[in-house]
Amino acid sequence: MLTLLGFAMIATFLVLIMMKRMSPIAALVLIPALFCVAVGQGAQLGDYVIDGVGKLAPTAAMLMFAIVYFGVMIDVGLFDPIVRGILRFCKADPVRVVVGTAVLAAIVSLDGDGSTTFMITVSAMYPLYKRLGMSLVVLTGVAATANGVMNTLPWGGPTARAATALKLDAGDIFVPMIPALAVGLLFVIALAYVLGRRERKRIGYLTLDQALAPETDGETVLVGAGGAAGTAGNGRAKGGRAARGGTSAAVSGDGPEETSGTPGFQGLDPDRATLRPRLYWFNAGLTVALLTAMILELMPIPVLFLLGAALALTVNFPRPAEQKERLAAHADNVLNVAGMVFAAAVFTGVLTGTGMVKHMADWLVGAIPEAMGPHMALVTGVLSLPLTYFMSNDGFYFGVLPVLAEAGAAHGVSPLEIARASLVGQALHMSSPLVPAVYVLVGMAKVEFGDHTRFTVKWAALTSLVVLVAAVLFGIV
């Protein structure tokens, strides 16, 4: 019964948000509350929610202060040279823009934190997508899938969890998987090329001069930065239609359309009041130091971003009135993402507290035919796709993986093979509604979560299967 209700709860949530019948925050709260009452555990709803909130509170704190930190860095001009450099490389060609998105997301993912990756990637690439009229779900889909492949780094989380759960060395799990993961990353870049070709066919491409040409209101729309100053155009450039054609330069089809005057979208104005050119190297050094401290785990990530945000605000905007203005400028993103995280805590709290997630996992594992025992590594890889999408990484790696490893051991399958196979679903996992970082991605890119899910899931699942096939062909699993 709990198994059926668990799957029904997840399916109801996904259908409602993809059909846009409910907002993600409302769906994340009301649907699990309703199912909690349906299973006869309504009296424990408060305990489940408090437990879920307690587990996700550090993540919410990290995201809040990370958004403030990177928002301030955008305001003061830290990423301006990067945006200009990317624009020169991309030459306003949609193919180069999408491939550049995949490469940038993969490189930034080396820090091991999805939220940071998405904030930096969207900060750099969102202006180009808007300026060229490209579909924003292509941005979120490619960034999430590339980050999912790179999320398997030993300091990224899943590998460490697998190593801890099965008492193995993280290096023994990750290093042999490198060839398969490299194939997965190449597939993401190839996918980006194909999606870029589709975008080029739809909208054509601008020349570099056209991409840099000011809008009719005199603003060059090149970077999304929180701020009250200025409004934005709709992303169309005058004369931006390429000779090769396309039907429209507006965002359409795959992504939600934005109209002119979108609040919070600010141009890369070389004379904007928030720029701090004399503090550029201080801000660059502070950012490098912050990312280094994250990788080395010198302090908890929420504490690092809290200290970093406070220091960045104090040094760049010493007057309290200026600090208040900057915080207000980014309050919309902060509230949206933090609200999503705490709403997701209700969903995960009910899913775990009622026992639904355990019954679902037990049912899936029990459904494995005995004849598949010698192929448990392959089975684990296949199961990692739905299980890491519908469950948290903690739930999968500490709750399900030991069971799969025990079943494999009974048939002579090494726990190392099981652990390696468990990593292949991460490309899909990064778009799960249970991953807080995905709300940073869709929030900053101004994409509806349902649109992102509908577009991304098929490509992310295909990427995971490519990694699994490569791992089998290379004899890794």
Protein backbone atom coordinates (compact mmCIF):
# COMPACT_ATOMS: atom_id res chain seq x y z
CA MET A 1 0.00 0.00 0.00
CA LEU A 2 2.75 2.45 0.95
CA THR A 3 4.62 1.50 -2.22
CA LEU A 4 1.64 2.35 -4.40
CA LEU A 5 0.94 5.59 -2.55
CA GLY A 6 4.59 6.61 -2.76
CA PHE A 7 4.68 6.25 -6.53
CA ALA A 8 1.27 7.92 -6.78
CA MET A 9 2.47 10.90 -4.73
CA ILE A 10 5.53 11.43 -6.92
CA ALA A 11 3.53 10.98 -10.13
CA THR A 12 0.87 13.43 -8.95
CA PHE A 13 3.50 16.02 -8.12
CA LEU A 14 5.29 15.71 -11.47
CA VAL A 15 2.08 15.75 -13.52
CA LEU A 16 0.69 18.83 -11.76
CA ILE A 17 3.85 20.91 -12.12
CA MET A 18 4.50 19.86 -15.72
CA MET A 19 0.90 20.72 -16.62
CA LYS A 20 1.33 23.96 -14.63
CA ARG A 21 -1.73 23.26 -12.52
CA MET A 22 0.19 24.15 -9.37
CA SER A 23 3.33 26.07 -8.54
CA PRO A 24 6.28 23.92 -7.37
CA ILE A 25 6.17 25.38 -3.85
CA ALA A 26 2.46 24.69 -3.43
CA ALA A 27 2.79 21.19 -4.92
CA LEU A 28 5.78 20.32 -2.73
CA VAL A 29 3.79 21.22 0.38
CA LEU A 30 0.15 20.30 -0.29
CA ILE A 31 0.53 17.00 -2.15
CA PRO A 32 2.67 15.23 0.50
CA ALA A 33 0.44 16.65 3.26
CA LEU A 34 -2.60 15.15 1.52
CA PHE A 35 -0.91 11.76 1.04
CA CYS A 36 0.33 11.78 4.64
CA VAL A 37 -3.29 12.05 5.77
CA ALA A 38 -4.32 9.39 3.24
CA VAL A 39 -1.95 6.81 4.76
CA GLY A 40 -3.37 7.51 8.20
CA GLN A 41 -0.34 9.35 9.58
CA GLY A 42 -1.71 12.89 9.54
CA ALA A 43 -1.00 13.27 13.26
CA GLN A 44 2.72 12.83 12.57
CA LEU A 45 2.83 15.35 9.71
CA GLY A 46 4.34 18.05 11.92
CA ASP A 47 7.14 15.76 13.08
CA TYR A 48 7.93 14.69 9.52
CA VAL A 49 8.06 18.29 8.30
CA ILE A 50 10.25 19.47 11.19
CA ASP A 51 12.60 16.54 10.58
CA GLY A 52 12.80 17.37 6.86
CA VAL A 53 13.34 21.07 7.52
CA GLY A 54 16.08 20.28 10.04
CA LYS A 55 17.95 18.23 7.47
CA LEU A 56 17.66 20.82 4.69
CA ALA A 57 18.12 23.98 6.78
CA PRO A 58 21.93 24.06 6.25
CA THR A 59 21.35 23.72 2.49
CA ALA A 60 18.85 26.57 2.53
CA ALA A 61 21.28 28.75 4.48
CA MET A 62 24.07 27.94 2.03
CA LEU A 63 21.91 28.80 -0.98
CA MET A 64 20.68 32.05 0.57
CA PHE A 65 24.15 33.41 1.25
CA ALA A 66 25.63 31.93 -1.94
CA ILE A 67 23.04 33.82 -4.00
CA VAL A 68 23.89 37.03 -2.13
CA TYR A 69 27.62 36.43 -2.60
CA PHE A 70 27.54 35.72 -6.32
CA GLY A 71 24.93 38.41 -6.83
CA VAL A 72 27.30 40.94 -5.30
CA MET A 73 30.15 39.62 -7.44
CA ILE A 74 28.03 40.16 -10.55
CA ASP A 75 27.10 43.64 -9.37
CA VAL A 76 30.72 44.69 -8.82
CA GLY A 77 31.82 43.36 -12.23
CA LEU A 78 33.79 40.23 -11.36
CA PHE A 79 32.26 38.24 -14.22
CA ASP A 80 32.15 41.04 -16.81
CA PRO A 81 35.44 39.98 -18.49
CA ILE A 82 34.24 36.37 -18.55
CA VAL A 83 30.99 37.35 -20.26
CA ARG A 84 32.86 39.41 -22.83
CA GLY A 85 35.32 36.59 -23.47
CA ILE A 86 32.54 34.04 -23.88
CA LEU A 87 30.75 36.38 -26.26
CA ARG A 88 33.87 36.72 -28.40
CA PHE A 89 34.32 32.94 -28.46
CA CYS A 90 30.69 32.24 -29.24
CA LYS A 91 30.57 34.95 -31.94
CA ALA A 92 26.81 35.17 -31.31
CA ASP A 93 26.40 31.71 -32.87
CA PRO A 94 23.77 29.60 -31.00
CA VAL A 95 25.82 26.43 -31.58
CA ARG A 96 28.86 27.90 -29.86
CA VAL A 97 26.71 29.34 -27.09
CA VAL A 98 25.16 25.97 -26.19
CA VAL A 99 28.46 24.09 -26.46
CA GLY A 100 30.06 26.84 -24.37
CA THR A 101 27.36 26.31 -21.76
CA ALA A 102 28.23 22.60 -21.48
CA VAL A 103 31.96 23.26 -21.28
CA LEU A 104 31.60 26.07 -18.75
CA ALA A 105 29.26 24.04 -16.53
CA ALA A 106 31.64 21.06 -16.64
CA ILE A 107 34.66 23.19 -15.73
CA VAL A 108 32.96 25.03 -12.89
CA SER A 109 31.60 21.70 -11.60
CA LEU A 110 35.13 20.86 -10.51
CA ASP A 111 34.36 22.71 -7.28
CA GLY A 112 31.97 19.88 -6.40
CA ASP A 113 28.95 22.06 -5.58
CA GLY A 114 25.98 22.14 -7.93
CA SER A 115 24.55 25.41 -6.64
CA THR A 116 27.80 27.28 -7.22
CA THR A 117 28.10 25.76 -10.69
CA PHE A 118 24.63 26.88 -11.67
CA MET A 119 25.03 30.38 -10.29
CA ILE A 120 28.27 30.97 -12.19
CA THR A 121 27.07 29.30 -15.40
CA VAL A 122 23.75 31.13 -15.51
CA SER A 123 25.39 34.44 -14.60
CA ALA A 124 27.71 34.10 -17.60
CA MET A 125 25.40 32.50 -20.17
CA TYR A 126 21.92 33.85 -19.43
CA PRO A 127 22.71 37.23 -21.03
CA LEU A 128 23.70 35.55 -24.30
CA TYR A 129 20.58 33.39 -24.42
CA LYS A 130 18.42 36.42 -23.77
CA ARG A 131 20.26 38.59 -26.27
CA LEU A 132 20.05 35.99 -29.03
CA GLY A 133 16.47 34.98 -28.23
CA MET A 134 17.47 31.39 -27.45
CA SER A 135 15.36 28.93 -25.48
CA LEU A 136 16.27 29.18 -21.81
CA VAL A 137 15.42 25.53 -21.11
CA VAL A 138 18.34 24.62 -23.36
CA LEU A 139 20.53 26.55 -20.93
CA THR A 140 19.12 24.83 -17.85
CA GLY A 141 19.00 21.38 -19.45
CA VAL A 142 22.58 21.39 -20.73
CA ALA A 143 23.97 22.92 -17.53
CA ALA A 144 22.16 20.40 -15.29
CA THR A 145 23.19 17.39 -17.38
CA ALA A 146 26.84 18.44 -17.60
CA ASN A 147 26.93 19.07 -13.87
CA GLY A 148 25.31 15.70 -13.24
CA VAL A 149 28.13 13.87 -15.03
CA MET A 150 30.75 15.89 -13.13
CA ASN A 151 28.90 15.45 -9.83
CA THR A 152 30.54 12.02 -9.56
CA LEU A 153 33.85 13.60 -8.52
CA PRO A 154 35.06 12.15 -5.19
CA TRP A 155 34.36 15.46 -3.43
CA GLY A 156 31.04 15.94 -5.20
CA GLY A 157 28.98 13.76 -2.87
CA PRO A 158 27.72 10.53 -4.50
CA THR A 159 31.12 8.83 -4.69
CA ALA A 160 31.85 9.66 -1.06
CA ARG A 161 28.44 8.34 -0.02
CA ALA A 162 28.94 5.10 -1.95
CA ALA A 163 32.39 4.66 -0.41
CA THR A 164 31.04 5.27 3.09
CA ALA A 165 28.02 3.01 2.69
CA LEU A 166 30.04 0.07 1.36
CA LYS A 167 33.24 0.81 3.33
CA LEU A 168 35.34 1.25 0.20
CA ASP A 169 37.98 3.74 -0.91
CA ALA A 170 36.54 6.60 -2.96
CA GLY A 171 39.53 6.52 -5.32
CA ASP A 172 38.98 2.84 -6.08
CA ILE A 173 35.40 3.67 -7.08
CA PHE A 174 36.00 6.84 -9.08
CA VAL A 175 39.29 6.38 -10.94
CA PRO A 176 38.25 3.30 -12.98
CA MET A 177 35.01 5.15 -13.91
CA ILE A 178 36.88 8.04 -15.53
CA PRO A 179 36.77 6.62 -19.11
CA ALA A 180 33.02 6.02 -18.92
CA LEU A 181 32.40 9.44 -17.39
CA ALA A 182 34.56 11.03 -20.10
CA VAL A 183 32.34 9.36 -22.72
CA GLY A 184 29.32 10.77 -20.90
CA LEU A 185 30.79 14.26 -20.92
CA LEU A 186 31.61 14.01 -24.63
CA PHE A 187 28.03 12.92 -25.22
CA VAL A 188 26.78 16.02 -23.36
CA ILE A 189 28.97 18.22 -25.57
CA ALA A 190 27.68 16.42 -28.69
CA LEU A 191 24.12 16.87 -27.40
CA ALA A 192 24.84 20.56 -26.86
CA TYR A 193 26.04 20.79 -30.47
CA VAL A 194 22.81 19.19 -31.73
CA LEU A 195 20.63 21.43 -29.58
CA GLY A 196 22.66 24.42 -30.74
CA ARG A 197 22.05 23.48 -34.36
CA ARG A 198 18.33 23.34 -33.62
CA GLU A 199 18.48 26.80 -32.06
CA ARG A 200 20.49 28.17 -34.99
CA LYS A 201 17.92 26.77 -37.43
CA ARG A 202 15.11 28.33 -35.40
CA ILE A 203 16.52 31.82 -34.88
CA GLY A 204 19.67 32.14 -37.01
CA TYR A 205 22.56 33.99 -35.43
CA LEU A 206 23.81 37.52 -35.02
CA THR A 207 27.13 39.03 -35.91
CA LEU A 208 29.28 40.09 -32.98
CA ASP A 209 28.52 43.75 -33.70
CA GLN A 210 24.79 43.07 -33.73
CA ALA A 211 24.99 41.17 -30.46
CA LEU A 212 26.71 44.12 -28.84
CA ALA A 213 24.40 46.72 -30.38
CA PRO A 214 22.35 48.64 -27.82
CA GLU A 215 18.61 48.14 -27.46
CA THR A 216 16.22 50.90 -28.43
CA ASP A 217 16.24 52.12 -24.86
CA GLY A 218 20.02 52.47 -25.02
CA GLU A 219 20.74 49.42 -22.89
CA THR A 220 22.99 46.52 -23.84
CA VAL A 221 21.35 43.45 -22.36
CA LEU A 222 24.27 41.25 -21.50
CA VAL A 223 24.15 40.16 -17.90
CA GLY A 224 21.53 39.26 -15.35
CA ALA A 225 22.37 40.95 -12.08
CA GLY A 226 20.12 41.81 -9.24
CA GLY A 227 19.47 45.46 -9.12
CA ALA A 228 16.77 48.00 -9.20
CA ALA A 229 18.42 50.09 -11.86
CA GLY A 230 17.16 49.61 -15.34
CA THR A 231 14.74 47.32 -17.06
CA ALA A 232 15.36 44.92 -19.85
CA GLY A 233 14.23 44.32 -23.32
CA ASN A 234 12.86 41.01 -24.39
CA GLY A 235 16.14 39.68 -25.65
CA ARG A 236 15.69 40.65 -29.30
CA ALA A 237 18.34 42.61 -31.09
CA LYS A 238 17.50 45.01 -33.85
CA GLY A 239 18.49 43.39 -37.07
CA GLY A 240 19.32 40.24 -35.15
CA ARG A 241 17.69 37.86 -37.58
CA ALA A 242 20.35 36.02 -39.49
CA ALA A 243 20.25 35.65 -43.23
CA ARG A 244 19.87 31.94 -42.64
CA GLY A 245 16.58 32.73 -41.08
CA GLY A 246 14.47 31.34 -38.36
CA THR A 247 10.95 32.06 -37.35
CA SER A 248 11.43 34.17 -34.28
CA ALA A 249 14.15 35.51 -32.07
CA ALA A 250 11.93 35.44 -29.03
CA VAL A 251 12.10 32.73 -26.44
CA SER A 252 9.46 30.24 -27.45
CA GLY A 253 8.53 26.63 -27.70
CA ASP A 254 10.71 24.92 -25.17
CA GLY A 255 10.86 27.69 -22.61
CA PRO A 256 8.64 30.26 -20.97
CA GLU A 257 8.42 33.58 -22.71
CA GLU A 258 9.51 36.72 -20.94
CA THR A 259 8.16 40.10 -21.78
CA SER A 260 9.94 43.38 -21.80
CA GLY A 261 10.44 45.08 -18.52
CA THR A 262 11.39 41.93 -16.65
CA PRO A 263 12.49 43.08 -13.19
CA GLY A 264 15.98 42.25 -12.08
CA PHE A 265 17.48 41.84 -15.53
CA GLN A 266 20.21 44.44 -15.84
CA GLY A 267 22.56 45.24 -18.66
CA LEU A 268 26.29 44.90 -18.55
CA ASP A 269 26.64 48.63 -18.25
CA PRO A 270 30.34 49.57 -18.05
CA ASP A 271 29.34 52.66 -16.08
CA ARG A 272 26.86 51.12 -13.61
CA ALA A 273 27.13 52.48 -10.10
CA THR A 274 27.79 49.10 -8.48
CA LEU A 275 31.06 48.44 -10.35
CA ARG A 276 34.19 48.26 -8.20
CA PRO A 277 37.12 48.07 -10.67
CA ARG A 278 39.71 48.94 -8.01
CA LEU A 279 38.58 45.96 -5.96
CA TYR A 280 38.55 43.50 -8.88
CA TRP A 281 41.54 41.48 -7.73
CA PHE A 282 40.35 41.46 -4.15
CA ASN A 283 37.01 40.03 -5.27
CA ALA A 284 38.70 37.51 -7.57
CA GLY A 285 41.02 36.42 -4.76
CA LEU A 286 38.15 36.17 -2.31
CA THR A 287 36.18 33.97 -4.74
CA VAL A 288 39.14 31.69 -5.41
CA ALA A 289 39.82 31.41 -1.68
CA LEU A 290 36.17 30.61 -1.02
CA LEU A 291 36.02 27.87 -3.66
CA THR A 292 39.34 26.44 -2.45
CA ALA A 293 38.08 26.32 1.13
CA MET A 294 34.97 24.51 -0.12
CA ILE A 295 36.99 21.87 -1.96
CA LEU A 296 39.33 21.37 1.01
CA GLU A 297 36.33 21.32 3.37
CA LEU A 298 38.02 23.75 5.75
CA MET A 299 34.63 24.77 7.12
CA PRO A 300 30.98 23.84 6.45
CA ILE A 301 29.84 25.34 3.14
CA PRO A 302 26.99 27.39 4.69
CA VAL A 303 29.46 29.04 7.06
CA LEU A 304 31.89 29.78 4.24
CA PHE A 305 29.25 31.51 2.14
CA LEU A 306 27.88 33.36 5.15
CA LEU A 307 31.35 34.75 5.91
CA GLY A 308 32.06 35.38 2.22
CA ALA A 309 28.82 37.29 1.67
CA ALA A 310 29.35 39.41 4.77
CA LEU A 311 32.94 40.22 3.78
CA ALA A 312 32.04 40.97 0.15
CA LEU A 313 29.26 43.33 1.19
CA THR A 314 31.38 45.10 3.79
CA VAL A 315 34.39 45.69 1.54
CA ASN A 316 32.54 46.56 -1.67
CA PHE A 317 29.69 48.51 -0.10
CA PRO A 318 30.90 49.92 3.22
CA ARG A 319 27.84 52.13 3.76
CA PRO A 320 24.92 50.31 5.47
CA ALA A 321 22.43 51.91 3.07
CA GLU A 322 24.33 50.44 0.09
CA GLN A 323 24.43 47.01 1.72
CA LYS A 324 20.69 47.16 2.34
CA GLU A 325 20.13 48.10 -1.30
CA ARG A 326 22.21 45.17 -2.56
CA LEU A 327 20.39 42.72 -0.26
CA ALA A 328 17.05 44.04 -1.45
CA ALA A 329 18.18 43.68 -5.07
CA HIS A 330 18.76 39.95 -4.62
CA ALA A 331 15.89 39.28 -2.20
CA ASP A 332 13.64 37.90 -4.95
CA ASN A 333 16.06 35.11 -5.86
CA VAL A 334 16.86 34.39 -2.21
CA LEU A 335 13.20 34.09 -1.20
CA ASN A 336 12.29 31.98 -4.21
CA VAL A 337 15.10 29.46 -3.74
CA ALA A 338 14.89 29.26 0.06
CA GLY A 339 11.13 28.79 -0.20
CA MET A 340 11.62 25.94 -2.66
CA VAL A 341 14.11 24.23 -0.36
CA PHE A 342 11.88 24.40 2.70
CA ALA A 343 8.89 23.26 0.64
CA ALA A 344 10.97 20.33 -0.61
CA ALA A 345 11.64 19.51 3.05
CA VAL A 346 7.93 18.76 3.45
CA PHE A 347 8.04 16.40 0.47
CA THR A 348 11.15 14.54 1.59
CA GLY A 349 10.05 14.51 5.22
CA VAL A 350 6.75 12.82 4.39
CA LEU A 351 8.29 10.48 1.82
CA THR A 352 10.84 9.27 4.38
CA GLY A 353 8.84 9.53 7.60
CA THR A 354 5.83 7.54 6.39
CA GLY A 355 8.11 4.76 5.15
CA MET A 356 7.04 5.23 1.52
CA VAL A 357 10.58 5.56 0.21
CA LYS A 358 11.71 2.37 1.98
CA HIS A 359 8.76 0.38 0.68
CA MET A 360 9.34 1.69 -2.85
CA ALA A 361 13.02 0.72 -2.74
CA ASP A 362 12.28 -2.71 -1.25
CA TRP A 363 9.67 -3.36 -3.94
CA LEU A 364 12.05 -2.43 -6.74
CA VAL A 365 14.88 -4.55 -5.32
CA GLY A 366 12.50 -7.47 -4.68
CA ALA A 367 11.27 -7.30 -8.27
CA ILE A 368 14.72 -8.19 -9.61
CA PRO A 369 14.59 -11.75 -11.06
CA GLU A 370 16.94 -14.26 -9.45
CA ALA A 371 18.49 -14.92 -12.85
CA MET A 372 19.79 -11.33 -12.89
CA GLY A 373 21.90 -11.96 -9.79
CA PRO A 374 25.21 -12.34 -11.67
CA HIS A 375 24.43 -9.05 -13.45
CA MET A 376 23.69 -7.01 -10.34
CA ALA A 377 26.16 -4.29 -11.34
CA LEU A 378 24.18 -3.68 -14.54
CA VAL A 379 20.92 -3.86 -12.59
CA THR A 380 22.28 -1.32 -10.10
CA GLY A 381 23.20 1.04 -12.91
CA VAL A 382 19.72 0.83 -14.42
CA LEU A 383 18.00 1.23 -11.05
CA SER A 384 20.17 4.23 -10.19
CA LEU A 385 18.28 6.30 -12.79
CA PRO A 386 14.77 6.18 -11.25
CA LEU A 387 15.91 5.73 -7.66
CA THR A 388 18.25 8.72 -7.53
CA TYR A 389 15.59 10.79 -9.28
CA PHE A 390 12.80 9.89 -6.87
CA MET A 391 15.02 9.69 -3.77
CA SER A 392 17.69 11.79 -2.18
CA ASN A 393 21.28 10.65 -2.62
CA ASP A 394 21.42 9.85 1.09
CA GLY A 395 18.35 7.63 0.82
CA PHE A 396 19.71 5.76 -2.19
CA TYR A 397 23.33 5.31 -1.14
CA PHE A 398 22.73 4.55 2.54
CA GLY A 399 19.39 2.78 2.23
CA VAL A 400 19.30 0.94 -1.09
CA LEU A 401 22.90 0.48 -2.22
CA PRO A 402 23.92 -1.81 0.68
CA VAL A 403 20.98 -4.08 -0.16
CA LEU A 404 21.99 -4.22 -3.82
CA ALA A 405 25.64 -4.86 -2.86
CA GLU A 406 24.60 -7.71 -0.56
CA ALA A 407 22.48 -9.27 -3.29
CA GLY A 408 25.37 -8.94 -5.73
CA ALA A 409 27.88 -10.45 -3.30
CA ALA A 410 25.71 -13.57 -3.09
CA HIS A 411 26.34 -14.03 -6.82
CA GLY A 412 30.04 -13.13 -6.76
CA VAL A 413 29.67 -9.51 -7.89
CA SER A 414 32.24 -7.21 -6.29
CA PRO A 415 30.96 -4.32 -4.13
CA LEU A 416 33.29 -2.07 -6.15
CA GLU A 417 31.38 -2.86 -9.34
CA ILE A 418 28.08 -2.14 -7.57
CA ALA A 419 29.44 1.17 -6.24
CA ARG A 420 30.71 2.26 -9.66
CA ALA A 421 27.44 1.36 -11.35
CA SER A 422 25.52 3.38 -8.76
CA LEU A 423 27.10 6.61 -10.07
CA VAL A 424 25.64 6.48 -13.58
CA GLY A 425 22.27 7.98 -12.62
CA GLN A 426 23.71 11.30 -11.46
CA ALA A 427 23.12 13.06 -14.78
CA LEU A 428 19.39 12.53 -14.22
CA HIS A 429 19.56 13.06 -10.46
CA MET A 430 20.63 16.70 -10.83
CA SER A 431 17.20 17.57 -12.28
CA SER A 432 15.28 15.79 -9.53
CA PRO A 433 12.72 17.90 -7.64
CA LEU A 434 14.46 16.73 -4.47
CA VAL A 435 17.75 18.47 -5.39
CA PRO A 436 17.82 22.02 -3.96
CA ALA A 437 20.42 23.20 -6.49
CA VAL A 438 18.01 22.72 -9.40
CA TYR A 439 15.81 25.47 -7.98
CA VAL A 440 18.79 27.82 -8.09
CA LEU A 441 19.23 26.91 -11.75
CA VAL A 442 15.63 27.40 -12.85
CA GLY A 443 15.17 30.41 -10.59
CA MET A 444 18.14 32.36 -11.91
CA ALA A 445 17.34 31.37 -15.51
CA LYS A 446 13.68 32.31 -15.00
CA VAL A 447 12.45 28.95 -16.28
CA GLU A 448 9.42 27.09 -14.92
CA PHE A 449 10.45 23.88 -13.17
CA GLY A 450 7.86 21.94 -15.17
CA ASP A 451 9.32 23.21 -18.45
CA HIS A 452 12.81 22.26 -17.32
CA THR A 453 11.67 18.78 -16.30
CA ARG A 454 9.78 18.14 -19.52
CA PHE A 455 12.78 19.17 -21.62
CA THR A 456 15.67 17.78 -19.60
CA VAL A 457 14.63 14.38 -18.25
CA LYS A 458 14.84 12.55 -21.58
CA TRP A 459 18.29 13.92 -22.40
CA ALA A 460 19.63 13.38 -18.89
CA ALA A 461 18.35 9.80 -18.82
CA LEU A 462 19.94 9.15 -22.21
CA THR A 463 23.25 10.56 -20.94
CA SER A 464 23.14 8.24 -17.92
CA LEU A 465 22.50 5.25 -20.17
CA VAL A 466 25.44 6.26 -22.38
CA VAL A 467 27.69 6.29 -19.29
CA LEU A 468 26.36 2.87 -18.27
CA VAL A 469 26.91 1.35 -21.72
CA ALA A 470 30.44 2.79 -21.84
CA ALA A 471 31.17 1.34 -18.39
CA VAL A 472 29.99 -2.09 -19.54
CA LEU A 473 31.99 -1.95 -22.79
CA PHE A 474 35.14 -0.89 -20.93
CA GLY A 475 34.65 -3.71 -18.43
CA ILE A 476 34.35 -1.29 -15.51
CA VAL A 477 31.07 -2.78 -14.24
